[in-house]
Amino acid sequence: MTPAVETILEDLERATGAEDLQCLIESLRDHFDVDHMVYHWVNSNGDQYGCGTYSDAWVARYLEKDYLRIDPVVSGCYQRFHPVDWKRLDWSSRAVRSFQLDAIHHGVGNQGFSIPIRGPNGQFAMFTVSHNTDDDSWAAFIEAYRRDLILIAYYFNQKALEFEPGRSPEPTPALSPREVDAMTLLAIGYSRGQVAQTLAISEHTLRVYIESARFKLGAHNTTHAVARAMSRGLIVV
């Protein structure tokens, strides 16, 4: 991560309320020089919370038209655990194409990248980046910043969960020294082969450590496990 992103994450750690999250998501948008960033969640009771940089006009339009019913980004993220590039979603129906044109008209952008997040007790959230640009430029942007964006999304969600009314803190699991080593090396960008070589273990043994850490952290995949370990202070990069 760049020093600027690290500074923003430090500010995120110090956030004390929803107003801070709104300021931070605006800072993130400006840092990455994109049109919009948005965070939206729904908890197990159906309560919703969101912050972001979409215009008030688009938010009102989205609610007025009940676009939640047909928005392929929402349905696509709900069906997946991995980040979603909007180009890979199904925009073929007439209603969805009309929704897409309306969104672009309101400045949402013709490109998007959304990260689905599943938290405790049925919580579902999305962290989205959108921009107006060509396919090649967008592909290069995602290639360059994909990992940062995923980590930021999970940090953001972890902080937002702290503000959920009536929520008790999750206990922090203990990772073994080898699990900490493996997660730390993965966090700084080592491949699995490089991690195994550095730790002088086989890739099979490494896989056991990673899966054990993932289970303890309640993570859906390795990237999620790394993000949770970092956000809970179990590893320091």
C-alpha atoms as a PDB file:
ATOM      1  CA  MET A   1       0.000   0.000   0.000  1.00  0.00           C
ATOM      2  CA  THR A   2       1.105   3.552  -0.624  1.00  0.00           C
ATOM      3  CA  PRO A   3       1.832   5.830   2.362  1.00  0.00           C
ATOM      4  CA  ALA A   4      -1.296   7.830   1.516  1.00  0.00           C
ATOM      5  CA  VAL A   5      -3.509   4.735   1.748  1.00  0.00           C
ATOM      6  CA  GLU A   6      -1.828   3.701   4.991  1.00  0.00           C
ATOM      7  CA  THR A   7      -2.561   7.160   6.414  1.00  0.00           C
ATOM      8  CA  ILE A   8      -6.220   6.890   5.405  1.00  0.00           C
ATOM      9  CA  LEU A   9      -6.459   3.457   7.046  1.00  0.00           C
ATOM     10  CA  GLU A  10      -4.935   4.878  10.214  1.00  0.00           C
ATOM     11  CA  ASP A  11      -7.595   7.599  10.129  1.00  0.00           C
ATOM     12  CA  LEU A  12     -10.204   4.883   9.596  1.00  0.00           C
ATOM     13  CA  GLU A  13      -8.993   3.072  12.691  1.00  0.00           C
ATOM     14  CA  ARG A  14      -9.560   6.292  14.685  1.00  0.00           C
ATOM     15  CA  ALA A  15     -13.065   6.899  13.272  1.00  0.00           C
ATOM     16  CA  THR A  16     -15.709   7.356  15.949  1.00  0.00           C
ATOM     17  CA  GLY A  17     -18.912   7.619  13.929  1.00  0.00           C
ATOM     18  CA  ALA A  18     -20.669   7.589  10.566  1.00  0.00           C
ATOM     19  CA  GLU A  19     -19.611  11.173   9.810  1.00  0.00           C
ATOM     20  CA  ASP A  20     -15.966  10.107   9.925  1.00  0.00           C
ATOM     21  CA  LEU A  21     -16.663   7.248   7.500  1.00  0.00           C
ATOM     22  CA  GLN A  22     -18.256   9.670   5.045  1.00  0.00           C
ATOM     23  CA  CYS A  23     -15.219  11.945   5.161  1.00  0.00           C
ATOM     24  CA  LEU A  24     -12.879   8.997   4.727  1.00  0.00           C
ATOM     25  CA  ILE A  25     -14.678   7.553   1.735  1.00  0.00           C
ATOM     26  CA  GLU A  26     -14.454  10.961   0.070  1.00  0.00           C
ATOM     27  CA  SER A  27     -10.705  10.995   0.815  1.00  0.00           C
ATOM     28  CA  LEU A  28     -10.349   7.536  -0.711  1.00  0.00           C
ATOM     29  CA  ARG A  29     -12.213   8.627  -3.837  1.00  0.00           C
ATOM     30  CA  ASP A  30      -9.888  11.591  -4.227  1.00  0.00           C
ATOM     31  CA  HIS A  31      -6.774   9.521  -3.559  1.00  0.00           C
ATOM     32  CA  PHE A  32      -7.624   6.942  -6.223  1.00  0.00           C
ATOM     33  CA  ASP A  33      -8.875   9.696  -8.558  1.00  0.00           C
ATOM     34  CA  VAL A  34     -12.135   7.944  -9.422  1.00  0.00           C
ATOM     35  CA  ASP A  35     -15.633   9.313  -9.848  1.00  0.00           C
ATOM     36  CA  HIS A  36     -17.225   7.454  -6.928  1.00  0.00           C
ATOM     37  CA  MET A  37     -16.731   5.193  -3.942  1.00  0.00           C
ATOM     38  CA  VAL A  38     -19.666   3.755  -2.023  1.00  0.00           C
ATOM     39  CA  TYR A  39     -20.107   1.486   0.992  1.00  0.00           C
ATOM     40  CA  HIS A  40     -23.511  -0.079   1.683  1.00  0.00           C
ATOM     41  CA  TRP A  41     -24.611  -2.718   4.156  1.00  0.00           C
ATOM     42  CA  VAL A  42     -27.704  -4.614   5.289  1.00  0.00           C
ATOM     43  CA  ASN A  43     -27.738  -6.393   8.655  1.00  0.00           C
ATOM     44  CA  SER A  44     -29.715  -9.451   9.748  1.00  0.00           C
ATOM     45  CA  ASN A  45     -32.657  -7.268  10.824  1.00  0.00           C
ATOM     46  CA  GLY A  46     -32.869  -5.611   7.415  1.00  0.00           C
ATOM     47  CA  ASP A  47     -31.514  -2.289   8.681  1.00  0.00           C
ATOM     48  CA  GLN A  48     -29.441  -0.484   6.067  1.00  0.00           C
ATOM     49  CA  TYR A  49     -26.548   1.916   6.255  1.00  0.00           C
ATOM     50  CA  GLY A  50     -24.525   3.551   3.547  1.00  0.00           C
ATOM     51  CA  CYS A  51     -22.046   6.265   2.816  1.00  0.00           C
ATOM     52  CA  GLY A  52     -20.488   7.351  -0.429  1.00  0.00           C
ATOM     53  CA  THR A  53     -20.131   9.923  -3.124  1.00  0.00           C
ATOM     54  CA  TYR A  54     -23.082   9.344  -5.443  1.00  0.00           C
ATOM     55  CA  SER A  55     -25.144  12.469  -6.028  1.00  0.00           C
ATOM     56  CA  ASP A  56     -28.294  13.039  -3.973  1.00  0.00           C
ATOM     57  CA  ALA A  57     -30.199  13.093  -7.257  1.00  0.00           C
ATOM     58  CA  TRP A  58     -29.041   9.575  -8.142  1.00  0.00           C
ATOM     59  CA  VAL A  59     -29.777   8.202  -4.665  1.00  0.00           C
ATOM     60  CA  ALA A  60     -33.297   9.670  -4.830  1.00  0.00           C
ATOM     61  CA  ARG A  61     -33.777   8.346  -8.350  1.00  0.00           C
ATOM     62  CA  TYR A  62     -32.585   4.860  -7.336  1.00  0.00           C
ATOM     63  CA  LEU A  63     -35.075   4.739  -4.476  1.00  0.00           C
ATOM     64  CA  GLU A  64     -37.911   6.264  -6.495  1.00  0.00           C
ATOM     65  CA  LYS A  65     -37.539   3.703  -9.292  1.00  0.00           C
ATOM     66  CA  ASP A  66     -36.945   0.822  -6.850  1.00  0.00           C
ATOM     67  CA  TYR A  67     -33.832  -0.075  -8.829  1.00  0.00           C
ATOM     68  CA  LEU A  68     -32.745  -2.463  -6.079  1.00  0.00           C
ATOM     69  CA  ARG A  69     -35.054  -5.044  -7.716  1.00  0.00           C
ATOM     70  CA  ILE A  70     -33.106  -5.108 -10.983  1.00  0.00           C
ATOM     71  CA  ASP A  71     -29.636  -3.789 -10.119  1.00  0.00           C
ATOM     72  CA  PRO A  72     -27.266  -6.512 -11.435  1.00  0.00           C
ATOM     73  CA  VAL A  73     -24.469  -5.261  -9.182  1.00  0.00           C
ATOM     74  CA  VAL A  74     -26.467  -6.031  -6.031  1.00  0.00           C
ATOM     75  CA  SER A  75     -27.683  -9.420  -7.238  1.00  0.00           C
ATOM     76  CA  GLY A  76     -24.273 -10.275  -8.681  1.00  0.00           C
ATOM     77  CA  CYS A  77     -22.458  -9.482  -5.444  1.00  0.00           C
ATOM     78  CA  TYR A  78     -25.007 -11.312  -3.334  1.00  0.00           C
ATOM     79  CA  GLN A  79     -24.359 -14.479  -5.347  1.00  0.00           C
ATOM     80  CA  ARG A  80     -20.569 -14.212  -5.137  1.00  0.00           C
ATOM     81  CA  PHE A  81     -17.768 -14.085  -2.596  1.00  0.00           C
ATOM     82  CA  HIS A  82     -15.143 -12.662  -4.917  1.00  0.00           C
ATOM     83  CA  PRO A  83     -14.863  -9.072  -6.239  1.00  0.00           C
ATOM     84  CA  VAL A  84     -17.031  -8.320  -9.254  1.00  0.00           C
ATOM     85  CA  ASP A  85     -16.083  -6.285 -12.316  1.00  0.00           C
ATOM     86  CA  TRP A  86     -19.332  -4.854 -13.622  1.00  0.00           C
ATOM     87  CA  LYS A  87     -18.495  -5.878 -17.208  1.00  0.00           C
ATOM     88  CA  ARG A  88     -18.851  -9.524 -16.156  1.00  0.00           C
ATOM     89  CA  LEU A  89     -22.458  -9.070 -15.021  1.00  0.00           C
ATOM     90  CA  ASP A  90     -25.570  -9.667 -17.097  1.00  0.00           C
ATOM     91  CA  TRP A  91     -26.769  -6.344 -18.555  1.00  0.00           C
ATOM     92  CA  SER A  92     -28.759  -7.914 -21.390  1.00  0.00           C
ATOM     93  CA  SER A  93     -32.377  -7.323 -20.360  1.00  0.00           C
ATOM     94  CA  ARG A  94     -34.176  -4.185 -21.510  1.00  0.00           C
ATOM     95  CA  ALA A  95     -34.923  -3.079 -17.944  1.00  0.00           C
ATOM     96  CA  VAL A  96     -31.303  -3.489 -16.860  1.00  0.00           C
ATOM     97  CA  ARG A  97     -29.972  -1.650 -19.916  1.00  0.00           C
ATOM     98  CA  SER A  98     -32.364   1.197 -19.162  1.00  0.00           C
ATOM     99  CA  PHE A  99     -31.130   1.244 -15.556  1.00  0.00           C
ATOM    100  CA  GLN A 100     -27.515   1.328 -16.766  1.00  0.00           C
ATOM    101  CA  LEU A 101     -28.156   4.296 -19.045  1.00  0.00           C
ATOM    102  CA  ASP A 102     -29.930   6.137 -16.232  1.00  0.00           C
ATOM    103  CA  ALA A 103     -26.999   5.476 -13.883  1.00  0.00           C
ATOM    104  CA  ILE A 104     -24.462   6.738 -16.428  1.00  0.00           C
ATOM    105  CA  HIS A 105     -26.638   9.798 -17.059  1.00  0.00           C
ATOM    106  CA  HIS A 106     -26.477  10.530 -13.310  1.00  0.00           C
ATOM    107  CA  GLY A 107     -22.694  10.324 -13.293  1.00  0.00           C
ATOM    108  CA  VAL A 108     -22.216   6.861 -11.795  1.00  0.00           C
ATOM    109  CA  GLY A 109     -19.745   5.896 -14.519  1.00  0.00           C
ATOM    110  CA  ASN A 110     -19.593   3.202 -17.175  1.00  0.00           C
ATOM    111  CA  GLN A 111     -17.085   1.054 -15.233  1.00  0.00           C
ATOM    112  CA  GLY A 112     -17.330  -0.435 -11.778  1.00  0.00           C
ATOM    113  CA  PHE A 113     -15.692  -2.832  -9.344  1.00  0.00           C
ATOM    114  CA  SER A 114     -17.638  -4.085  -6.312  1.00  0.00           C
ATOM    115  CA  ILE A 115     -16.396  -6.142  -3.390  1.00  0.00           C
ATOM    116  CA  PRO A 116     -19.017  -8.250  -1.568  1.00  0.00           C
ATOM    117  CA  ILE A 117     -18.483  -8.645   2.171  1.00  0.00           C
ATOM    118  CA  ARG A 118     -20.251 -11.001   4.539  1.00  0.00           C
ATOM    119  CA  GLY A 119     -20.039 -10.227   8.203  1.00  0.00           C
ATOM    120  CA  PRO A 120     -21.367 -11.802  11.409  1.00  0.00           C
ATOM    121  CA  ASN A 121     -25.025 -12.666  11.995  1.00  0.00           C
ATOM    122  CA  GLY A 122     -26.142 -12.353   8.375  1.00  0.00           C
ATOM    123  CA  GLN A 123     -24.611  -8.966   7.611  1.00  0.00           C
ATOM    124  CA  PHE A 124     -24.036  -8.311   3.899  1.00  0.00           C
ATOM    125  CA  ALA A 125     -22.139  -5.331   2.540  1.00  0.00           C
ATOM    126  CA  MET A 126     -20.642  -4.026  -0.687  1.00  0.00           C
ATOM    127  CA  PHE A 127     -17.745  -1.678  -1.284  1.00  0.00           C
ATOM    128  CA  THR A 128     -17.861  -0.175  -4.773  1.00  0.00           C
ATOM    129  CA  VAL A 129     -15.568   1.910  -6.958  1.00  0.00           C
ATOM    130  CA  SER A 130     -16.957   3.370 -10.184  1.00  0.00           C
ATOM    131  CA  HIS A 131     -15.556   5.595 -12.902  1.00  0.00           C
ATOM    132  CA  ASN A 132     -16.109   6.771 -16.455  1.00  0.00           C
ATOM    133  CA  THR A 133     -13.248   5.523 -18.650  1.00  0.00           C
ATOM    134  CA  ASP A 134     -12.339   3.069 -21.402  1.00  0.00           C
ATOM    135  CA  ASP A 135     -11.939  -0.681 -20.880  1.00  0.00           C
ATOM    136  CA  ASP A 136      -8.140  -0.758 -21.128  1.00  0.00           C
ATOM    137  CA  SER A 137      -7.635   2.063 -18.630  1.00  0.00           C
ATOM    138  CA  TRP A 138     -10.069   0.456 -16.207  1.00  0.00           C
ATOM    139  CA  ALA A 139      -8.386  -2.956 -16.511  1.00  0.00           C
ATOM    140  CA  ALA A 140      -5.023  -1.325 -15.757  1.00  0.00           C
ATOM    141  CA  PHE A 141      -6.487   0.499 -12.747  1.00  0.00           C
ATOM    142  CA  ILE A 142      -7.973  -2.696 -11.274  1.00  0.00           C
ATOM    143  CA  GLU A 143      -4.751  -4.614 -11.909  1.00  0.00           C
ATOM    144  CA  ALA A 144      -2.782  -1.953 -10.060  1.00  0.00           C
ATOM    145  CA  TYR A 145      -5.104  -1.408  -7.092  1.00  0.00           C
ATOM    146  CA  ARG A 146      -7.192  -4.581  -6.719  1.00  0.00           C
ATOM    147  CA  ARG A 147      -5.404  -5.753  -3.576  1.00  0.00           C
ATOM    148  CA  ASP A 148      -5.499  -2.333  -1.906  1.00  0.00           C
ATOM    149  CA  LEU A 149      -9.205  -1.970  -2.652  1.00  0.00           C
ATOM    150  CA  ILE A 150     -10.046  -5.386  -1.184  1.00  0.00           C
ATOM    151  CA  LEU A 151      -8.116  -4.660   2.004  1.00  0.00           C
ATOM    152  CA  ILE A 152      -9.697  -1.212   2.308  1.00  0.00           C
ATOM    153  CA  ALA A 153     -13.172  -2.725   1.842  1.00  0.00           C
ATOM    154  CA  TYR A 154     -12.695  -5.159   4.710  1.00  0.00           C
ATOM    155  CA  TYR A 155     -11.136  -2.503   6.963  1.00  0.00           C
ATOM    156  CA  PHE A 156     -14.085  -0.216   6.184  1.00  0.00           C
ATOM    157  CA  ASN A 157     -16.618  -2.913   6.984  1.00  0.00           C
ATOM    158  CA  GLN A 158     -14.849  -3.856  10.205  1.00  0.00           C
ATOM    159  CA  LYS A 159     -15.017  -0.254  11.380  1.00  0.00           C
ATOM    160  CA  ALA A 160     -18.660   0.146  10.314  1.00  0.00           C
ATOM    161  CA  LEU A 161     -19.559  -2.944  12.348  1.00  0.00           C
ATOM    162  CA  GLU A 162     -18.275  -1.213  15.465  1.00  0.00           C
ATOM    163  CA  PHE A 163     -21.033   1.362  15.063  1.00  0.00           C
ATOM    164  CA  GLU A 164     -23.861  -1.196  14.804  1.00  0.00           C
ATOM    165  CA  PRO A 165     -26.258  -0.618  17.733  1.00  0.00           C
ATOM    166  CA  GLY A 166     -26.218  -3.386  20.315  1.00  0.00           C
ATOM    167  CA  ARG A 167     -23.332  -5.248  18.764  1.00  0.00           C
ATOM    168  CA  SER A 168     -20.922  -6.977  21.118  1.00  0.00           C
ATOM    169  CA  PRO A 169     -17.291  -7.175  19.987  1.00  0.00           C
ATOM    170  CA  GLU A 170     -16.145 -10.365  18.305  1.00  0.00           C
ATOM    171  CA  PRO A 171     -13.480 -12.265  20.216  1.00  0.00           C
ATOM    172  CA  THR A 172     -10.079 -12.086  18.552  1.00  0.00           C
ATOM    173  CA  PRO A 173      -8.812 -15.588  17.714  1.00  0.00           C
ATOM    174  CA  ALA A 174      -5.230 -16.613  18.455  1.00  0.00           C
ATOM    175  CA  LEU A 175      -3.082 -17.554  15.461  1.00  0.00           C
ATOM    176  CA  SER A 176      -0.085 -19.815  15.839  1.00  0.00           C
ATOM    177  CA  PRO A 177       3.379 -18.340  15.128  1.00  0.00           C
ATOM    178  CA  ARG A 178       3.531 -20.206  11.790  1.00  0.00           C
ATOM    179  CA  GLU A 179       0.057 -18.959  10.837  1.00  0.00           C
ATOM    180  CA  VAL A 180       1.155 -15.403  11.645  1.00  0.00           C
ATOM    181  CA  ASP A 181       4.275 -15.837   9.510  1.00  0.00           C
ATOM    182  CA  ALA A 182       2.270 -17.193   6.577  1.00  0.00           C
ATOM    183  CA  MET A 183      -0.387 -14.461   6.762  1.00  0.00           C
ATOM    184  CA  THR A 184       2.255 -11.733   7.078  1.00  0.00           C
ATOM    185  CA  LEU A 185       4.208 -12.868   4.018  1.00  0.00           C
ATOM    186  CA  LEU A 186       1.012 -13.177   1.977  1.00  0.00           C
ATOM    187  CA  ALA A 187      -0.010  -9.679   3.102  1.00  0.00           C
ATOM    188  CA  ILE A 188       3.196  -8.126   1.758  1.00  0.00           C
ATOM    189  CA  GLY A 189       2.647  -9.751  -1.627  1.00  0.00           C
ATOM    190  CA  TYR A 190       4.568 -13.036  -1.590  1.00  0.00           C
ATOM    191  CA  SER A 191       3.194 -15.868  -3.712  1.00  0.00           C
ATOM    192  CA  ARG A 192       2.428 -19.175  -2.000  1.00  0.00           C
ATOM    193  CA  GLY A 193       5.573 -20.646  -3.504  1.00  0.00           C
ATOM    194  CA  GLN A 194       7.672 -17.784  -2.151  1.00  0.00           C
ATOM    195  CA  VAL A 195       6.065 -18.082   1.282  1.00  0.00           C
ATOM    196  CA  ALA A 196       6.751 -21.823   1.416  1.00  0.00           C
ATOM    197  CA  GLN A 197      10.364 -21.273   0.354  1.00  0.00           C
ATOM    198  CA  THR A 198      10.891 -18.485   2.906  1.00  0.00           C
ATOM    199  CA  LEU A 199       9.465 -20.600   5.715  1.00  0.00           C
ATOM    200  CA  ALA A 200      11.294 -23.727   4.483  1.00  0.00           C
ATOM    201  CA  ILE A 201       8.111 -25.784   4.339  1.00  0.00           C
ATOM    202  CA  SER A 202       6.210 -27.557   1.574  1.00  0.00           C
ATOM    203  CA  GLU A 203       3.311 -25.853  -0.187  1.00  0.00           C
ATOM    204  CA  HIS A 204       1.061 -28.599   1.215  1.00  0.00           C
ATOM    205  CA  THR A 205       2.076 -27.672   4.775  1.00  0.00           C
ATOM    206  CA  LEU A 206       1.622 -23.991   3.944  1.00  0.00           C
ATOM    207  CA  ARG A 207      -1.893 -24.735   2.715  1.00  0.00           C
ATOM    208  CA  VAL A 208      -2.674 -26.356   6.083  1.00  0.00           C
ATOM    209  CA  TYR A 209      -1.510 -23.216   7.921  1.00  0.00           C
ATOM    210  CA  ILE A 210      -3.517 -20.930   5.640  1.00  0.00           C
ATOM    211  CA  GLU A 211      -6.690 -22.990   5.921  1.00  0.00           C
ATOM    212  CA  SER A 212      -6.319 -23.146   9.710  1.00  0.00           C
ATOM    213  CA  ALA A 213      -5.928 -19.362   9.917  1.00  0.00           C
ATOM    214  CA  ARG A 214      -8.844 -18.842   7.544  1.00  0.00           C
ATOM    215  CA  PHE A 215     -11.080 -21.054   9.702  1.00  0.00           C
ATOM    216  CA  LYS A 216     -10.093 -19.268  12.918  1.00  0.00           C
ATOM    217  CA  LEU A 217     -10.768 -15.878  11.330  1.00  0.00           C
ATOM    218  CA  GLY A 218     -14.093 -16.913   9.800  1.00  0.00           C
ATOM    219  CA  ALA A 219     -12.801 -15.818   6.405  1.00  0.00           C
ATOM    220  CA  HIS A 220     -14.234 -16.812   3.033  1.00  0.00           C
ATOM    221  CA  ASN A 221     -10.890 -16.935   1.229  1.00  0.00           C
ATOM    222  CA  THR A 222      -7.210 -16.177   1.738  1.00  0.00           C
ATOM    223  CA  THR A 223      -7.483 -12.471   0.878  1.00  0.00           C
ATOM    224  CA  HIS A 224     -10.341 -12.124   3.354  1.00  0.00           C
ATOM    225  CA  ALA A 225      -8.252 -13.916   6.001  1.00  0.00           C
ATOM    226  CA  VAL A 226      -5.304 -11.564   5.443  1.00  0.00           C
ATOM    227  CA  ALA A 227      -7.592  -8.530   5.662  1.00  0.00           C
ATOM    228  CA  ARG A 228      -9.185  -9.749   8.891  1.00  0.00           C
ATOM    229  CA  ALA A 229      -5.823 -10.585  10.431  1.00  0.00           C
ATOM    230  CA  MET A 230      -4.553  -7.092   9.608  1.00  0.00           C
ATOM    231  CA  SER A 231      -7.683  -5.289  10.783  1.00  0.00           C
ATOM    232  CA  ARG A 232      -7.574  -7.129  14.136  1.00  0.00           C
ATOM    233  CA  GLY A 233      -3.905  -6.426  14.684  1.00  0.00           C
ATOM    234  CA  LEU A 234      -2.881 -10.087  14.457  1.00  0.00           C
ATOM    235  CA  ILE A 235      -0.302  -9.267  11.805  1.00  0.00           C
ATOM    236  CA  VAL A 236       1.554  -6.050  11.128  1.00  0.00           C
ATOM    237  CA  VAL A 237       2.801  -5.155   7.642  1.00  0.00           C
END
